[in-house]
């Protein structure tokens, strides 16, 4: 197998602060930096100068200022011709042999598809979310045209979890042979010492990480309030981009709530040993489609699997994340919208050291499925065959 020149087109290309951005950044690190190029949008709310530039070349397409403005999901289409022209120039400049379009956003995936088609080179797509199934109004009408074109043009349609792959295969049987799961990739550490699941003596410390939106807001509010009500000394430590006001609006407040803001993944990992229990909420309801709630697979899950601490998950049954956690017995799950059940689960985790140890051991084993080197090799075998 010989490496080819690969162009990856996505939405939040750089800096890699979004979930899909982090996953893509991890994966691209296992490719030859002289044979891979990244192109896409500026990540809103981030300062490029705060991040180390990758060894491979990357291009920010269109007008970065538009990405910062409300309504950009519509206004960016005004830059269609400009972005397509930029992509065609990149393909020429770097002698690109194959294009991978990564979907958390239709504009850049579609333009990657059009550029590959124009140049007569292979195109692959990788869906981190559902598309047509999670659009309404004008954007749904647009999706009815764009999704079939992306599906038809893709030599392979990668999906970001086994659960999502099952859903897409069932929903779009005509393309069933094209769908293939390509999991989130992380650099998974080796277990170098005994698992320590002892608890902080003065107060239990719970960790919640990730951005809160309609994919998880209702479950997050329940699990946080349960933690704070369970014991008057327990501490809730929150890492993510949501503001203090957003937490106050959800009723998450008090001297035992510590809002640390967003920190890079390596900093977060270095702090894992400080905490006792990791929280993993997944939405039961909100303004996303049913398909989206069934298939979302939170990026934060993988670092929690190798955190060395037990995971308390609050998520609906039969979702992609719930199925994975159940299959590998790597988290204590509460699958009902019940604060009482969450409190019972917290008590169970606190009272049973053997349960905590077994969950952590199983989580370490499950995390190896997401080793970025293995996933990168799988992708190379498909793209470069």
Protein backbone atom coordinates (compact mmCIF):
# COMPACT_ATOMS: atom_id res chain seq x y z
CA UNK A 1 0.00 0.00 0.00
CA UNK A 2 1.47 3.34 -1.08
CA UNK A 3 0.33 6.64 0.43
CA UNK A 4 -1.51 9.00 -1.89
CA UNK A 5 -1.94 12.75 -1.58
CA UNK A 6 -5.06 13.27 0.53
CA UNK A 7 -7.17 16.41 0.95
CA UNK A 8 -9.48 16.50 3.99
CA UNK A 9 -12.31 19.04 3.83
CA UNK A 10 -14.33 19.83 6.95
CA UNK A 11 -16.10 22.54 8.93
CA UNK A 12 -14.15 23.50 12.06
CA UNK A 13 -10.78 22.79 10.49
CA UNK A 14 -8.57 24.78 12.83
CA UNK A 15 -8.07 25.27 15.73
CA UNK A 16 -9.30 21.78 16.74
CA UNK A 17 -11.56 22.70 19.66
CA UNK A 18 -14.87 21.17 18.54
CA UNK A 19 -15.50 17.46 19.02
CA UNK A 20 -15.15 16.67 15.32
CA UNK A 21 -12.12 18.96 15.09
CA UNK A 22 -10.32 17.09 17.86
CA UNK A 23 -11.13 13.70 16.33
CA UNK A 24 -9.87 14.79 12.92
CA UNK A 25 -6.74 16.34 14.36
CA UNK A 26 -5.94 13.09 16.19
CA UNK A 27 -6.42 11.06 13.03
CA UNK A 28 -4.36 13.30 10.76
CA UNK A 29 -1.37 12.98 13.07
CA UNK A 30 -0.91 9.36 11.97
CA UNK A 31 -0.65 10.34 8.29
CA UNK A 32 2.51 11.48 6.51
CA UNK A 33 2.40 15.30 6.87
CA UNK A 34 3.89 15.61 3.38
CA UNK A 35 0.98 13.69 1.87
CA UNK A 36 -2.03 15.24 3.60
CA UNK A 37 -3.71 18.66 3.45
CA UNK A 38 -6.52 20.07 5.62
CA UNK A 39 -9.02 22.65 4.36
CA UNK A 40 -12.13 24.07 5.94
CA UNK A 41 -13.50 26.76 8.20
CA UNK A 42 -12.02 28.80 10.97
CA UNK A 43 -13.27 27.55 14.35
CA UNK A 44 -15.37 30.36 15.88
CA UNK A 45 -14.35 31.61 19.31
CA UNK A 46 -10.77 30.35 19.09
CA UNK A 47 -7.43 32.10 18.70
CA UNK A 48 -5.16 30.45 16.15
CA UNK A 49 -2.09 31.89 17.84
CA UNK A 50 -2.88 29.88 20.99
CA UNK A 51 -2.45 26.58 19.12
CA UNK A 52 0.59 24.86 17.67
CA UNK A 53 0.24 24.69 13.92
CA UNK A 54 0.28 21.14 12.52
CA UNK A 55 3.12 19.80 10.38
CA UNK A 56 0.77 19.36 7.43
CA UNK A 57 -0.52 22.39 5.47
CA UNK A 58 -3.98 23.69 6.25
CA UNK A 59 -6.18 26.29 4.57
CA UNK A 60 -9.02 28.35 6.04
CA UNK A 61 -11.61 28.68 3.30
CA UNK A 62 -13.95 31.50 2.42
CA UNK A 63 -14.28 34.46 4.76
CA UNK A 64 -13.37 33.61 8.39
CA UNK A 65 -15.37 36.63 9.58
CA UNK A 66 -18.60 35.06 8.30
CA UNK A 67 -18.04 32.07 10.57
CA UNK A 68 -18.28 34.37 13.60
CA UNK A 69 -21.63 35.88 12.65
CA UNK A 70 -25.13 34.74 13.51
CA UNK A 71 -26.84 33.27 10.48
CA UNK A 72 -23.60 32.06 8.92
CA UNK A 73 -25.21 28.69 8.19
CA UNK A 74 -27.04 30.54 5.41
CA UNK A 75 -24.62 33.35 4.50
CA UNK A 76 -21.68 31.00 3.91
CA UNK A 77 -23.48 29.74 0.78
CA UNK A 78 -22.79 33.15 -0.73
CA UNK A 79 -19.15 32.05 -0.86
CA UNK A 80 -19.91 28.86 -2.83
CA UNK A 81 -17.96 29.80 -5.96
CA UNK A 82 -15.02 31.22 -4.03
CA UNK A 83 -14.63 28.17 -1.80
CA UNK A 84 -14.97 25.75 -4.72
CA UNK A 85 -12.29 27.72 -6.59
CA UNK A 86 -10.03 27.57 -3.53
CA UNK A 87 -10.44 23.81 -3.26
CA UNK A 88 -9.67 23.30 -6.94
CA UNK A 89 -6.50 25.38 -6.55
CA UNK A 90 -5.46 23.32 -3.50
CA UNK A 91 -6.00 20.08 -5.43
CA UNK A 92 -3.80 21.38 -8.25
CA UNK A 93 -1.08 22.79 -5.98
CA UNK A 94 -0.67 19.64 -3.89
CA UNK A 95 -1.35 17.07 -6.64
CA UNK A 96 -4.23 15.64 -4.61
CA UNK A 97 -5.23 12.05 -5.47
CA UNK A 98 -8.23 11.58 -3.16
CA UNK A 99 -10.64 13.78 -1.14
CA UNK A 100 -12.27 13.01 2.22
CA UNK A 101 -15.22 15.19 3.21
CA UNK A 102 -16.01 15.20 6.93
CA UNK A 103 -19.60 16.03 7.89
CA UNK A 104 -20.71 18.00 10.79
CA UNK A 105 -21.71 20.61 8.18
CA UNK A 106 -23.08 20.19 4.66
CA UNK A 107 -21.42 23.20 3.02
CA UNK A 108 -17.81 22.03 3.27
CA UNK A 109 -18.58 18.34 2.74
CA UNK A 110 -20.58 19.17 -0.38
CA UNK A 111 -17.90 21.49 -1.76
CA UNK A 112 -15.28 18.79 -1.20
CA UNK A 113 -17.52 16.41 -3.12
CA UNK A 114 -17.96 18.91 -5.99
CA UNK A 115 -14.23 19.64 -6.18
CA UNK A 116 -13.35 15.92 -6.36
CA UNK A 117 -16.01 15.39 -9.02
CA UNK A 118 -14.71 18.34 -11.06
CA UNK A 119 -11.16 16.94 -10.95
CA UNK A 120 -12.25 13.36 -11.56
CA UNK A 121 -10.62 11.98 -8.40
CA UNK A 122 -12.10 9.63 -5.76
CA UNK A 123 -14.26 11.09 -2.99
CA UNK A 124 -15.06 9.60 0.42
CA UNK A 125 -17.34 10.99 3.15
CA UNK A 126 -17.26 10.60 6.93
CA UNK A 127 -20.46 11.47 8.83
CA UNK A 128 -20.07 12.51 12.47
CA UNK A 129 -23.81 13.28 12.67
CA UNK A 130 -26.93 12.43 10.73
CA UNK A 131 -27.82 14.95 8.03
CA UNK A 132 -31.17 14.78 6.22
CA UNK A 133 -32.70 13.11 9.29
CA UNK A 134 -31.84 16.14 11.45
CA UNK A 135 -32.86 19.07 9.27
CA UNK A 136 -36.08 21.09 9.09
CA UNK A 137 -37.53 23.81 6.88
CA UNK A 138 -35.38 25.18 4.06
CA UNK A 139 -32.31 23.26 5.24
CA UNK A 140 -34.25 19.99 4.91
CA UNK A 141 -35.18 20.86 1.33
CA UNK A 142 -31.50 21.54 0.69
CA UNK A 143 -30.52 18.25 2.35
CA UNK A 144 -32.91 16.29 0.10
CA UNK A 145 -30.80 17.42 -2.82
CA UNK A 146 -27.33 17.38 -1.28
CA UNK A 147 -27.31 14.15 0.73
CA UNK A 148 -28.08 11.87 -2.24
CA UNK A 149 -25.34 13.56 -4.27
CA UNK A 150 -22.80 13.06 -1.48
CA UNK A 151 -23.92 9.43 -1.00
CA UNK A 152 -23.78 8.69 -4.74
CA UNK A 153 -20.37 10.31 -5.17
CA UNK A 154 -18.78 8.60 -2.16
CA UNK A 155 -16.80 5.43 -2.81
CA UNK A 156 -17.32 4.70 0.90
CA UNK A 157 -19.54 6.45 3.46
CA UNK A 158 -17.86 6.27 6.86
CA UNK A 159 -19.93 6.73 10.02
CA UNK A 160 -18.53 7.62 13.44
CA UNK A 161 -19.96 4.76 15.51
CA UNK A 162 -21.31 1.24 15.15
CA UNK A 163 -24.70 2.47 16.36
CA UNK A 164 -24.82 5.20 13.74
CA UNK A 165 -23.74 2.74 11.06
CA UNK A 166 -26.63 0.43 11.99
CA UNK A 167 -29.06 3.33 11.82
CA UNK A 168 -27.83 4.58 8.44
CA UNK A 169 -27.78 1.10 6.92
CA UNK A 170 -31.36 0.53 8.05
CA UNK A 171 -32.57 3.98 6.94
CA UNK A 172 -30.79 4.01 3.57
CA UNK A 173 -30.63 0.36 2.42
CA UNK A 174 -29.81 1.39 -1.17
CA UNK A 175 -26.39 2.54 0.08
CA UNK A 176 -25.94 -0.24 2.65
CA UNK A 177 -22.80 -1.65 1.03
CA UNK A 178 -21.13 1.77 1.17
CA UNK A 179 -21.59 2.38 4.90
CA UNK A 180 -18.73 1.50 7.21
CA UNK A 181 -18.02 2.50 10.82
CA UNK A 182 -14.87 4.55 11.38
CA UNK A 183 -14.64 5.16 15.11
CA UNK A 184 -13.32 8.18 17.00
CA UNK A 185 -9.56 7.90 17.32
CA UNK A 186 -7.44 8.83 20.33
CA UNK A 187 -3.94 8.11 21.50
CA UNK A 188 -4.79 5.47 24.10
CA UNK A 189 -2.26 5.21 26.97
CA UNK A 190 -1.04 1.91 28.35
CA UNK A 191 -1.95 0.96 31.92
CA UNK A 192 1.36 1.35 33.74
CA UNK A 193 0.22 1.04 37.35
CA UNK A 194 -2.43 -0.49 39.55
CA UNK A 195 -5.94 0.88 39.18
CA UNK A 196 -6.68 3.23 42.09
CA UNK A 197 -10.37 3.81 42.72
CA UNK A 198 -10.06 5.06 46.30
CA UNK A 199 -12.25 8.07 47.07
CA UNK A 200 -11.33 11.52 48.33
CA UNK A 201 -11.89 11.47 52.08
CA UNK A 202 -13.09 15.04 52.66
CA UNK A 203 -15.51 15.36 49.74
CA UNK A 204 -16.37 13.43 46.61
CA UNK A 205 -15.27 15.18 43.42
CA UNK A 206 -17.36 14.67 40.28
CA UNK A 207 -16.07 15.73 36.85
CA UNK A 208 -18.23 16.87 33.93
CA UNK A 209 -16.57 17.79 30.66
CA UNK A 210 -17.73 18.88 27.21
CA UNK A 211 -20.03 21.47 25.72
CA UNK A 212 -23.66 21.53 26.78
CA UNK A 213 -26.32 21.94 24.09
CA UNK A 214 -29.57 20.29 23.02
CA UNK A 215 -27.75 16.99 22.55
CA UNK A 216 -27.34 16.64 26.32
CA UNK A 217 -28.81 19.63 28.19
CA UNK A 218 -31.77 17.91 29.89
CA UNK A 219 -29.69 14.96 31.09
CA UNK A 220 -26.87 17.26 32.20
CA UNK A 221 -29.20 19.33 34.37
CA UNK A 222 -30.62 16.21 36.04
CA UNK A 223 -27.30 14.55 36.75
CA UNK A 224 -25.68 17.75 38.07
CA UNK A 225 -28.58 18.49 40.42
CA UNK A 226 -28.50 14.89 41.63
CA UNK A 227 -24.79 15.16 42.45
CA UNK A 228 -25.30 18.38 44.41
CA UNK A 229 -28.31 17.05 46.32
CA UNK A 230 -26.87 13.61 47.08
CA UNK A 231 -24.40 14.81 49.68
CA UNK A 232 -23.86 18.31 51.07
CA UNK A 233 -20.08 18.01 50.73
CA UNK A 234 -19.80 16.67 47.15
CA UNK A 235 -18.12 18.92 44.59
CA UNK A 236 -19.04 19.32 40.93
CA UNK A 237 -16.16 20.34 38.65
CA UNK A 238 -17.12 21.48 35.14
CA UNK A 239 -14.78 21.80 32.14
CA UNK A 240 -16.14 23.25 28.89
CA UNK A 241 -17.04 26.39 26.96
CA UNK A 242 -20.42 27.11 28.54
CA UNK A 243 -20.56 30.33 30.53
CA UNK A 244 -21.31 30.67 34.23
CA UNK A 245 -24.61 32.35 33.30
CA UNK A 246 -25.68 29.30 31.28
CA UNK A 247 -25.08 27.10 34.32
CA UNK A 248 -26.94 29.54 36.56
CA UNK A 249 -29.88 29.50 34.13
CA UNK A 250 -30.01 25.70 34.52
CA UNK A 251 -30.03 26.07 38.30
CA UNK A 252 -26.50 24.68 38.68
CA UNK A 253 -24.97 26.99 41.28
CA UNK A 254 -23.42 27.21 44.73
CA UNK A 255 -20.06 27.09 46.46
CA UNK A 256 -19.64 23.41 45.56
CA UNK A 257 -19.82 24.11 41.81
CA UNK A 258 -16.45 24.85 40.18
CA UNK A 259 -16.55 26.12 36.58
CA UNK A 260 -13.05 25.76 35.11
CA UNK A 261 -13.81 26.74 31.51
CA UNK A 262 -12.31 25.07 28.46
CA UNK A 263 -8.87 23.47 28.76
CA UNK A 264 -6.91 21.51 26.12
CA UNK A 265 -7.34 17.75 26.27
CA UNK A 266 -3.81 17.10 27.57
CA UNK A 267 -4.44 19.46 30.50
CA UNK A 268 -7.77 17.78 31.26
CA UNK A 269 -6.18 14.32 31.20
CA UNK A 270 -3.44 15.45 33.59
CA UNK A 271 -6.15 16.42 36.10
CA UNK A 272 -8.15 13.17 35.94
CA UNK A 273 -6.47 11.71 39.08
CA UNK A 274 -7.97 14.55 41.18
CA UNK A 275 -11.52 13.27 40.71
CA UNK A 276 -13.59 10.33 41.95
CA UNK A 277 -16.43 9.85 39.45
CA UNK A 278 -16.80 10.90 35.81
CA UNK A 279 -20.22 12.06 34.58
CA UNK A 280 -21.47 11.26 31.08
CA UNK A 281 -24.94 12.69 30.27
CA UNK A 282 -26.65 12.14 26.91
CA UNK A 283 -29.90 13.92 25.99
CA UNK A 284 -33.31 12.29 26.18
CA UNK A 285 -35.06 15.19 24.44
CA UNK A 286 -34.49 18.62 22.92
CA UNK A 287 -34.65 20.31 19.52
CA UNK A 288 -32.66 17.61 17.69
CA UNK A 289 -34.35 14.85 15.72
CA UNK A 290 -34.98 11.40 17.14
CA UNK A 291 -32.38 10.06 14.72
CA UNK A 292 -29.75 12.38 16.14
CA UNK A 293 -30.40 11.36 19.75
CA UNK A 294 -30.17 7.70 18.72
CA UNK A 295 -26.84 8.11 16.92
CA UNK A 296 -24.86 10.86 18.73
CA UNK A 297 -21.62 9.55 20.20
CA UNK A 298 -20.04 12.21 22.47
CA UNK A 299 -16.34 12.75 21.77
CA UNK A 300 -15.67 13.15 25.49
CA UNK A 301 -16.53 9.48 26.02
CA UNK A 302 -13.17 8.12 24.88
CA UNK A 303 -10.92 10.08 27.30
CA UNK A 304 -13.32 9.13 30.09
CA UNK A 305 -12.83 5.46 29.21
CA UNK A 306 -9.10 5.71 29.91
CA UNK A 307 -9.42 8.22 32.76
CA UNK A 308 -8.87 5.54 35.41
CA UNK A 309 -12.07 6.62 37.16
CA UNK A 310 -15.57 5.05 37.13
CA UNK A 311 -18.15 6.54 34.78
CA UNK A 312 -21.73 7.36 35.75
CA UNK A 313 -23.75 7.66 32.54
CA UNK A 314 -27.25 9.09 32.21
CA UNK A 315 -28.65 8.28 28.77
CA UNK A 316 -31.66 6.73 27.05
CA UNK A 317 -31.65 3.03 26.24
CA UNK A 318 -31.03 1.88 22.66
CA UNK A 319 -28.88 4.89 21.78
CA UNK A 320 -25.47 4.32 20.21
CA UNK A 321 -23.65 5.41 23.36
CA UNK A 322 -25.84 3.33 25.69
CA UNK A 323 -25.36 0.20 23.57
CA UNK A 324 -21.59 0.59 23.60
CA UNK A 325 -21.40 1.17 27.36
CA UNK A 326 -23.68 -1.82 28.02
CA UNK A 327 -21.82 -4.14 25.63
CA UNK A 328 -18.50 -3.50 27.39
CA UNK A 329 -19.93 -3.03 30.92
CA UNK A 330 -17.75 0.05 31.27
CA UNK A 331 -20.12 2.50 33.01
CA UNK A 332 -22.94 2.46 35.51
CA UNK A 333 -25.97 3.62 33.51
CA UNK A 334 -29.19 5.33 34.51
CA UNK A 335 -31.56 5.04 31.55
CA UNK A 336 -34.60 6.77 33.07
CA UNK A 337 -35.35 10.46 33.55
CA UNK A 338 -35.21 10.06 37.32
CA UNK A 339 -33.10 11.97 39.84
CA UNK A 340 -33.96 9.28 42.40
CA UNK A 341 -32.43 6.58 40.20
CA UNK A 342 -29.34 8.75 39.65
CA UNK A 343 -28.95 9.17 43.41
CA UNK A 344 -29.26 5.42 43.92
CA UNK A 345 -26.54 4.87 41.30
CA UNK A 346 -24.25 7.38 43.01
CA UNK A 347 -24.72 5.54 46.32
CA UNK A 348 -23.94 2.23 44.61
CA UNK A 349 -20.70 3.58 43.14
CA UNK A 350 -19.61 5.08 46.45
CA UNK A 351 -20.35 1.96 48.48
CA UNK A 352 -18.75 -0.64 46.19
CA UNK A 353 -15.02 -0.45 45.55
CA UNK A 354 -15.18 -3.70 43.58
CA UNK A 355 -17.79 -2.20 41.24
CA UNK A 356 -15.65 0.88 40.67
CA UNK A 357 -12.60 -1.28 39.96
CA UNK A 358 -14.44 -3.53 37.51
CA UNK A 359 -15.93 -0.58 35.62
CA UNK A 360 -12.52 1.06 35.26
CA UNK A 361 -10.89 -2.18 34.14
CA UNK A 362 -13.62 -2.75 31.54
CA UNK A 363 -13.36 0.86 30.38
CA UNK A 364 -9.62 0.53 29.80
CA UNK A 365 -10.27 -2.54 27.66
CA UNK A 366 -13.04 -0.80 25.69
CA UNK A 367 -10.84 2.25 25.06
CA UNK A 368 -8.45 0.17 22.94
CA UNK A 369 -11.15 -0.04 20.26
CA UNK A 370 -10.57 3.67 19.70
CA UNK A 371 -6.80 3.56 19.25
CA UNK A 372 -6.05 6.18 16.60
CA UNK A 373 -3.20 4.19 15.04
CA UNK A 374 -5.48 1.22 14.37
CA UNK A 375 -8.23 3.45 13.02
CA UNK A 376 -5.77 5.42 10.88
CA UNK A 377 -4.42 2.21 9.37
CA UNK A 378 -7.95 1.08 8.53
CA UNK A 379 -8.67 4.38 6.80
CA UNK A 380 -5.41 4.28 4.82
CA UNK A 381 -6.17 0.78 3.57
CA UNK A 382 -9.45 2.02 2.12
CA UNK A 383 -8.29 5.37 0.75
CA UNK A 384 -4.97 4.22 -0.68
CA UNK A 385 -5.86 0.82 -2.11
